[in-house]
Amino acid sequence: MAVRGLALLARFAADPYLPPGFPYLTFFPAIIITGFVFGIYPALTCAILCGTSAWYWFIPPFNSFVVDGQTVTALLFFLVVVGINLGLPQLALSAYASQVRARDELTRAHEMQQVVSQEFDHRIKNLLATVSGLISLSQ
């Protein structure tokens, strides 16, 4: 993925200027941008690629996939932040979609209410015309 590649290049470029303990700094924005632009599944793919890239190159011992306490802590932190970064926008989009559906239903209900009101008005006028005609005939 191009977004992950750009994030990886940016992370390598920023590495000399960052204090230790920031392995995911450029990867989080890449995952969020991928989620907003391309959707949840490409964002999850980007998260997996970014997480493994950071694990291999930026979490000690470097250039390996060694699993120790520090690595597990760093990866758990990554998973929590990625879950929040991808979960909250999905919740917001779901809430927005619900709001749009509710507005559309309200619009349809309002249109139906107008149709019923016009039909009721028409029938009342017909009834009054009939009653007026009957009164005229009875005189």
N, C-alpha and C. Protein backbone atom coordinates (compact mmCIF):
# COMPACT_ATOMS: atom_id res chain seq x y z
N MET A 1 0.84 -1.18 0.00
CA MET A 1 0.00 0.00 0.00
C MET A 1 0.88 1.25 0.00
N ALA A 2 0.49 2.18 -0.80
CA ALA A 2 1.27 3.42 -0.94
C ALA A 2 1.26 4.24 0.34
N VAL A 3 0.13 4.28 1.03
CA VAL A 3 0.04 5.09 2.25
C VAL A 3 1.00 4.54 3.30
N ARG A 4 1.05 3.23 3.43
CA ARG A 4 1.97 2.59 4.38
C ARG A 4 3.41 2.87 3.98
N GLY A 5 3.70 2.83 2.67
CA GLY A 5 5.05 3.13 2.20
C GLY A 5 5.47 4.55 2.53
N LEU A 6 4.57 5.49 2.34
CA LEU A 6 4.87 6.88 2.69
C LEU A 6 5.09 7.03 4.20
N ALA A 7 4.26 6.36 4.98
CA ALA A 7 4.41 6.44 6.43
C ALA A 7 5.73 5.82 6.87
N LEU A 8 6.12 4.74 6.22
CA LEU A 8 7.39 4.09 6.55
C LEU A 8 8.57 4.99 6.19
N LEU A 9 8.52 5.61 5.02
CA LEU A 9 9.58 6.54 4.63
C LEU A 9 9.65 7.72 5.59
N ALA A 10 8.50 8.25 5.98
CA ALA A 10 8.47 9.37 6.92
C ALA A 10 9.03 8.95 8.28
N ARG A 11 8.73 7.73 8.68
CA ARG A 11 9.23 7.25 9.98
C ARG A 11 10.74 7.08 9.95
N PHE A 12 11.28 6.53 8.85
CA PHE A 12 12.73 6.42 8.72
C PHE A 12 13.39 7.80 8.71
N ALA A 13 12.75 8.76 8.04
CA ALA A 13 13.30 10.12 7.98
C ALA A 13 13.27 10.79 9.34
N ALA A 14 12.23 10.53 10.12
CA ALA A 14 12.09 11.18 11.43
C ALA A 14 12.83 10.44 12.53
N ASP A 15 13.27 9.22 12.28
CA ASP A 15 13.89 8.39 13.32
C ASP A 15 15.04 9.07 14.06
N PRO A 16 15.96 9.76 13.37
CA PRO A 16 17.05 10.38 14.12
C PRO A 16 16.59 11.50 15.06
N TYR A 17 15.42 12.06 14.82
CA TYR A 17 14.95 13.21 15.60
C TYR A 17 13.99 12.82 16.72
N LEU A 18 13.57 11.57 16.73
CA LEU A 18 12.58 11.13 17.72
C LEU A 18 13.26 10.47 18.91
N PRO A 19 12.74 10.73 20.10
CA PRO A 19 13.26 9.99 21.25
C PRO A 19 12.78 8.54 21.18
N PRO A 20 13.42 7.63 21.88
CA PRO A 20 12.96 6.23 21.86
C PRO A 20 11.54 6.12 22.39
N GLY A 21 10.81 5.18 21.87
CA GLY A 21 9.45 4.93 22.36
C GLY A 21 8.36 5.47 21.47
N PHE A 22 8.69 5.87 20.25
CA PHE A 22 7.68 6.36 19.32
C PHE A 22 7.70 5.55 18.02
N PRO A 23 7.51 4.25 18.09
CA PRO A 23 7.64 3.44 16.88
C PRO A 23 6.49 3.65 15.89
N TYR A 24 5.35 4.14 16.36
CA TYR A 24 4.17 4.20 15.49
C TYR A 24 3.81 5.62 15.07
N LEU A 25 4.65 6.57 15.33
CA LEU A 25 4.30 7.98 15.18
C LEU A 25 3.75 8.32 13.80
N THR A 26 4.37 7.88 12.74
CA THR A 26 3.88 8.21 11.39
C THR A 26 2.86 7.21 10.88
N PHE A 27 2.72 6.09 11.56
CA PHE A 27 1.80 5.06 11.08
C PHE A 27 0.35 5.33 11.47
N PHE A 28 0.12 5.93 12.64
CA PHE A 28 -1.25 6.22 13.06
C PHE A 28 -1.98 7.13 12.07
N PRO A 29 -1.38 8.24 11.64
CA PRO A 29 -2.08 9.07 10.65
C PRO A 29 -2.34 8.33 9.34
N ALA A 30 -1.41 7.47 8.93
CA ALA A 30 -1.61 6.70 7.69
C ALA A 30 -2.82 5.79 7.80
N ILE A 31 -2.98 5.16 8.95
CA ILE A 31 -4.13 4.27 9.17
C ILE A 31 -5.43 5.06 9.18
N ILE A 32 -5.44 6.20 9.86
CA ILE A 32 -6.65 7.02 9.93
C ILE A 32 -7.03 7.53 8.55
N ILE A 33 -6.05 8.04 7.81
CA ILE A 33 -6.33 8.55 6.46
C ILE A 33 -6.85 7.43 5.56
N THR A 34 -6.23 6.27 5.63
CA THR A 34 -6.70 5.14 4.84
C THR A 34 -8.14 4.78 5.20
N GLY A 35 -8.46 4.81 6.49
CA GLY A 35 -9.82 4.51 6.91
C GLY A 35 -10.84 5.49 6.37
N PHE A 36 -10.52 6.77 6.41
CA PHE A 36 -11.46 7.78 5.93
C PHE A 36 -11.60 7.77 4.42
N VAL A 37 -10.49 7.55 3.71
CA VAL A 37 -10.52 7.64 2.25
C VAL A 37 -11.00 6.35 1.61
N PHE A 38 -10.49 5.20 2.11
CA PHE A 38 -10.75 3.94 1.42
C PHE A 38 -11.68 2.99 2.16
N GLY A 39 -11.93 3.22 3.43
CA GLY A 39 -12.85 2.35 4.16
C GLY A 39 -12.14 1.52 5.22
N ILE A 40 -12.93 0.73 5.93
CA ILE A 40 -12.44 0.01 7.09
C ILE A 40 -11.51 -1.14 6.72
N TYR A 41 -11.82 -1.89 5.67
CA TYR A 41 -10.99 -3.06 5.35
C TYR A 41 -9.61 -2.66 4.83
N PRO A 42 -9.49 -1.69 3.95
CA PRO A 42 -8.13 -1.23 3.61
C PRO A 42 -7.39 -0.64 4.82
N ALA A 43 -8.12 0.00 5.72
CA ALA A 43 -7.48 0.55 6.91
C ALA A 43 -6.96 -0.57 7.81
N LEU A 44 -7.73 -1.65 7.93
CA LEU A 44 -7.25 -2.79 8.72
C LEU A 44 -6.01 -3.41 8.09
N THR A 45 -6.01 -3.51 6.76
CA THR A 45 -4.83 -4.02 6.05
C THR A 45 -3.64 -3.11 6.30
N CYS A 46 -3.87 -1.81 6.20
CA CYS A 46 -2.81 -0.83 6.45
C CYS A 46 -2.32 -0.95 7.89
N ALA A 47 -3.21 -1.17 8.83
CA ALA A 47 -2.83 -1.30 10.23
C ALA A 47 -1.94 -2.52 10.44
N ILE A 48 -2.27 -3.62 9.79
CA ILE A 48 -1.45 -4.83 9.93
C ILE A 48 -0.07 -4.59 9.33
N LEU A 49 -0.03 -3.99 8.14
CA LEU A 49 1.26 -3.71 7.50
C LEU A 49 2.09 -2.72 8.31
N CYS A 50 1.45 -1.67 8.80
CA CYS A 50 2.16 -0.67 9.60
C CYS A 50 2.65 -1.26 10.92
N GLY A 51 1.80 -2.05 11.56
CA GLY A 51 2.19 -2.67 12.83
C GLY A 51 3.38 -3.60 12.68
N THR A 52 3.36 -4.43 11.64
CA THR A 52 4.50 -5.33 11.44
C THR A 52 5.75 -4.56 11.02
N SER A 53 5.60 -3.50 10.23
CA SER A 53 6.76 -2.68 9.85
C SER A 53 7.39 -2.03 11.08
N ALA A 54 6.54 -1.46 11.94
CA ALA A 54 7.06 -0.81 13.14
C ALA A 54 7.70 -1.85 14.07
N TRP A 55 7.08 -3.01 14.17
CA TRP A 55 7.62 -4.07 15.01
C TRP A 55 9.00 -4.48 14.52
N TYR A 56 9.16 -4.65 13.24
CA TYR A 56 10.43 -5.13 12.69
C TYR A 56 11.53 -4.07 12.77
N TRP A 57 11.23 -2.83 12.40
CA TRP A 57 12.29 -1.83 12.27
C TRP A 57 12.45 -0.89 13.47
N PHE A 58 11.38 -0.69 14.25
CA PHE A 58 11.45 0.38 15.24
C PHE A 58 11.23 -0.05 16.68
N ILE A 59 10.97 -1.33 16.93
CA ILE A 59 10.82 -1.82 18.30
C ILE A 59 12.02 -2.71 18.60
N PRO A 60 12.75 -2.41 19.69
CA PRO A 60 13.93 -3.22 19.99
C PRO A 60 13.53 -4.65 20.38
N PRO A 61 14.33 -5.62 20.04
CA PRO A 61 15.53 -5.59 19.23
C PRO A 61 15.18 -5.35 17.76
N PHE A 62 15.86 -4.42 17.16
CA PHE A 62 15.56 -3.96 15.81
C PHE A 62 15.86 -5.05 14.77
N ASN A 63 15.15 -4.95 13.65
CA ASN A 63 15.31 -5.87 12.51
C ASN A 63 15.02 -7.32 12.90
N SER A 64 14.01 -7.49 13.75
CA SER A 64 13.59 -8.84 14.12
C SER A 64 12.14 -8.81 14.60
N PHE A 65 11.56 -9.98 14.69
CA PHE A 65 10.20 -10.12 15.20
C PHE A 65 10.23 -10.83 16.57
N VAL A 66 11.19 -10.48 17.39
CA VAL A 66 11.32 -11.08 18.71
C VAL A 66 10.14 -10.65 19.57
N VAL A 67 9.61 -11.59 20.33
CA VAL A 67 8.50 -11.30 21.23
C VAL A 67 9.03 -11.34 22.66
N ASP A 68 8.99 -10.18 23.31
CA ASP A 68 9.33 -10.09 24.73
C ASP A 68 8.34 -9.15 25.39
N GLY A 69 8.54 -8.84 26.64
CA GLY A 69 7.59 -8.00 27.37
C GLY A 69 7.44 -6.62 26.77
N GLN A 70 8.53 -6.01 26.38
CA GLN A 70 8.49 -4.67 25.80
C GLN A 70 7.75 -4.69 24.46
N THR A 71 7.99 -5.71 23.66
CA THR A 71 7.33 -5.83 22.36
C THR A 71 5.83 -6.03 22.54
N VAL A 72 5.46 -6.90 23.46
CA VAL A 72 4.04 -7.16 23.71
C VAL A 72 3.34 -5.89 24.17
N THR A 73 3.98 -5.15 25.06
CA THR A 73 3.39 -3.89 25.53
C THR A 73 3.21 -2.90 24.39
N ALA A 74 4.24 -2.78 23.56
CA ALA A 74 4.17 -1.85 22.42
C ALA A 74 3.08 -2.27 21.44
N LEU A 75 2.98 -3.57 21.17
CA LEU A 75 1.96 -4.05 20.22
C LEU A 75 0.55 -3.91 20.79
N LEU A 76 0.39 -4.15 22.09
CA LEU A 76 -0.93 -3.95 22.70
C LEU A 76 -1.34 -2.48 22.65
N PHE A 77 -0.39 -1.59 22.92
CA PHE A 77 -0.67 -0.16 22.80
C PHE A 77 -1.11 0.17 21.37
N PHE A 78 -0.39 -0.37 20.40
CA PHE A 78 -0.73 -0.14 19.00
C PHE A 78 -2.15 -0.63 18.70
N LEU A 79 -2.48 -1.83 19.15
CA LEU A 79 -3.82 -2.37 18.89
C LEU A 79 -4.92 -1.53 19.53
N VAL A 80 -4.69 -1.05 20.74
CA VAL A 80 -5.70 -0.23 21.41
C VAL A 80 -5.91 1.09 20.66
N VAL A 81 -4.81 1.74 20.29
CA VAL A 81 -4.93 3.03 19.60
C VAL A 81 -5.55 2.84 18.22
N VAL A 82 -5.15 1.80 17.50
CA VAL A 82 -5.74 1.54 16.18
C VAL A 82 -7.23 1.21 16.32
N GLY A 83 -7.57 0.43 17.33
CA GLY A 83 -8.99 0.13 17.56
C GLY A 83 -9.81 1.38 17.81
N ILE A 84 -9.27 2.29 18.59
CA ILE A 84 -9.96 3.56 18.86
C ILE A 84 -10.01 4.41 17.60
N ASN A 85 -8.88 4.50 16.90
CA ASN A 85 -8.80 5.34 15.70
C ASN A 85 -9.72 4.86 14.59
N LEU A 86 -9.94 3.57 14.50
CA LEU A 86 -10.84 3.04 13.47
C LEU A 86 -12.26 2.86 13.98
N GLY A 87 -12.41 2.61 15.27
CA GLY A 87 -13.74 2.38 15.83
C GLY A 87 -14.57 3.64 15.95
N LEU A 88 -13.97 4.71 16.42
CA LEU A 88 -14.72 5.96 16.60
C LEU A 88 -15.24 6.53 15.29
N PRO A 89 -14.43 6.60 14.23
CA PRO A 89 -15.00 7.09 12.96
C PRO A 89 -16.11 6.18 12.43
N GLN A 90 -15.99 4.87 12.64
CA GLN A 90 -17.04 3.97 12.19
C GLN A 90 -18.33 4.22 12.98
N LEU A 91 -18.20 4.45 14.27
CA LEU A 91 -19.38 4.79 15.08
C LEU A 91 -19.99 6.11 14.63
N ALA A 92 -19.15 7.08 14.33
CA ALA A 92 -19.64 8.39 13.87
C ALA A 92 -20.35 8.25 12.53
N LEU A 93 -19.78 7.46 11.62
CA LEU A 93 -20.41 7.26 10.31
C LEU A 93 -21.73 6.50 10.45
N SER A 94 -21.76 5.54 11.36
CA SER A 94 -22.99 4.80 11.61
C SER A 94 -24.07 5.72 12.19
N ALA A 95 -23.70 6.58 13.12
CA ALA A 95 -24.65 7.53 13.70
C ALA A 95 -25.15 8.49 12.64
N TYR A 96 -24.25 8.94 11.78
CA TYR A 96 -24.65 9.85 10.70
C TYR A 96 -25.63 9.16 9.75
N ALA A 97 -25.36 7.90 9.40
CA ALA A 97 -26.26 7.16 8.52
C ALA A 97 -27.63 6.98 9.17
N SER A 98 -27.65 6.73 10.47
CA SER A 98 -28.93 6.62 11.18
C SER A 98 -29.68 7.94 11.17
N GLN A 99 -28.95 9.03 11.33
CA GLN A 99 -29.58 10.34 11.30
C GLN A 99 -30.16 10.64 9.92
N VAL A 100 -29.46 10.28 8.87
CA VAL A 100 -29.95 10.50 7.51
C VAL A 100 -31.20 9.66 7.27
N ARG A 101 -31.19 8.39 7.72
CA ARG A 101 -32.37 7.55 7.57
C ARG A 101 -33.56 8.12 8.33
N ALA A 102 -33.33 8.60 9.55
CA ALA A 102 -34.42 9.19 10.35
C ALA A 102 -34.97 10.44 9.68
N ARG A 103 -34.08 11.27 9.13
CA ARG A 103 -34.55 12.47 8.43
C ARG A 103 -35.37 12.10 7.20
N ASP A 104 -34.94 11.08 6.45
CA ASP A 104 -35.70 10.65 5.28
C ASP A 104 -37.08 10.10 5.68
N GLU A 105 -37.11 9.33 6.76
CA GLU A 105 -38.39 8.81 7.24
C GLU A 105 -39.31 9.93 7.70
N LEU A 106 -38.74 10.92 8.37
CA LEU A 106 -39.53 12.07 8.81
C LEU A 106 -40.07 12.85 7.62
N THR A 107 -39.27 13.00 6.58
CA THR A 107 -39.72 13.69 5.37
C THR A 107 -40.87 12.93 4.72
N ARG A 108 -40.74 11.61 4.62
CA ARG A 108 -41.82 10.79 4.04
C ARG A 108 -43.09 10.87 4.89
N ALA A 109 -42.93 10.84 6.21
CA ALA A 109 -44.09 10.94 7.09
C ALA A 109 -44.77 12.30 6.95
N HIS A 110 -43.98 13.35 6.82
CA HIS A 110 -44.55 14.69 6.63
C HIS A 110 -45.31 14.78 5.31
N GLU A 111 -44.73 14.21 4.25
CA GLU A 111 -45.42 14.22 2.95
C GLU A 111 -46.73 13.43 3.03
N MET A 112 -46.71 12.30 3.73
CA MET A 112 -47.93 11.49 3.89
C MET A 112 -48.95 12.26 4.70
N GLN A 113 -48.52 12.98 5.72
CA GLN A 113 -49.44 13.78 6.52
C GLN A 113 -50.09 14.87 5.67
N GLN A 114 -49.33 15.48 4.77
CA GLN A 114 -49.90 16.50 3.89
C GLN A 114 -50.93 15.90 2.95
N VAL A 115 -50.65 14.72 2.41
CA VAL A 115 -51.60 14.06 1.51
C VAL A 115 -52.88 13.72 2.26
N VAL A 116 -52.75 13.18 3.46
CA VAL A 116 -53.94 12.82 4.26
C VAL A 116 -54.72 14.08 4.61
N SER A 117 -54.03 15.16 4.97
CA SER A 117 -54.71 16.40 5.31
C SER A 117 -55.47 16.96 4.11
N GLN A 118 -54.86 16.93 2.94
CA GLN A 118 -55.54 17.43 1.73
C GLN A 118 -56.75 16.57 1.39
N GLU A 119 -56.61 15.24 1.54
CA GLU A 119 -57.74 14.34 1.26
C GLU A 119 -58.86 14.58 2.27
N PHE A 120 -58.51 14.75 3.54
CA PHE A 120 -59.51 15.02 4.56
C PHE A 120 -60.23 16.33 4.26
N ASP A 121 -59.48 17.37 3.89
CA ASP A 121 -60.08 18.66 3.54
C ASP A 121 -61.04 18.51 2.36
N HIS A 122 -60.63 17.76 1.35
CA HIS A 122 -61.47 17.54 0.17
C HIS A 122 -62.77 16.82 0.54
N ARG A 123 -62.68 15.81 1.38
CA ARG A 123 -63.87 15.05 1.76
C ARG A 123 -64.81 15.88 2.64
N ILE A 124 -64.25 16.70 3.52
CA ILE A 124 -65.10 17.58 4.34
C ILE A 124 -65.85 18.56 3.46
N LYS A 125 -65.15 19.13 2.45
CA LYS A 125 -65.82 20.05 1.53
C LYS A 125 -66.93 19.35 0.76
N ASN A 126 -66.69 18.11 0.32
CA ASN A 126 -67.74 17.34 -0.37
C ASN A 126 -68.92 17.09 0.56
N LEU A 127 -68.63 16.73 1.80
CA LEU A 127 -69.71 16.47 2.76
C LEU A 127 -70.52 17.74 3.02
N LEU A 128 -69.85 18.88 3.19
CA LEU A 128 -70.55 20.14 3.40
C LEU A 128 -71.37 20.53 2.17
N ALA A 129 -70.84 20.27 0.98
CA ALA A 129 -71.58 20.56 -0.25
C ALA A 129 -72.83 19.68 -0.34
N THR A 130 -72.70 18.42 0.06
CA THR A 130 -73.85 17.51 0.05
C THR A 130 -74.90 17.96 1.05
N VAL A 131 -74.46 18.33 2.26
CA VAL A 131 -75.40 18.79 3.29
C VAL A 131 -76.06 20.09 2.82
N SER A 132 -75.31 20.98 2.22
CA SER A 132 -75.88 22.24 1.73
C SER A 132 -76.90 21.97 0.63
N GLY A 133 -76.58 21.01 -0.25
CA GLY A 133 -77.53 20.66 -1.30
C GLY A 133 -78.81 20.06 -0.73
N LEU A 134 -78.69 19.21 0.28
CA LEU A 134 -79.87 18.61 0.90
C LEU A 134 -80.72 19.68 1.60
N ILE A 135 -80.06 20.65 2.22
CA ILE A 135 -80.80 21.73 2.88
C ILE A 135 -81.53 22.57 1.83
N SER A 136 -80.89 22.83 0.71
CA SER A 136 -81.53 23.60 -0.37
C SER A 136 -82.75 22.86 -0.91
N LEU A 137 -82.64 21.55 -1.09
CA LEU A 137 -83.76 20.76 -1.63
C LEU A 137 -84.91 20.69 -0.61
N SER A 138 -84.58 20.64 0.66
CA SER A 138 -85.64 20.50 1.66
C SER A 138 -86.41 21.80 1.85
N GLN A 139 -85.88 22.93 1.41
CA GLN A 139 -86.59 24.20 1.59
C GLN A 139 -87.58 24.29 0.49
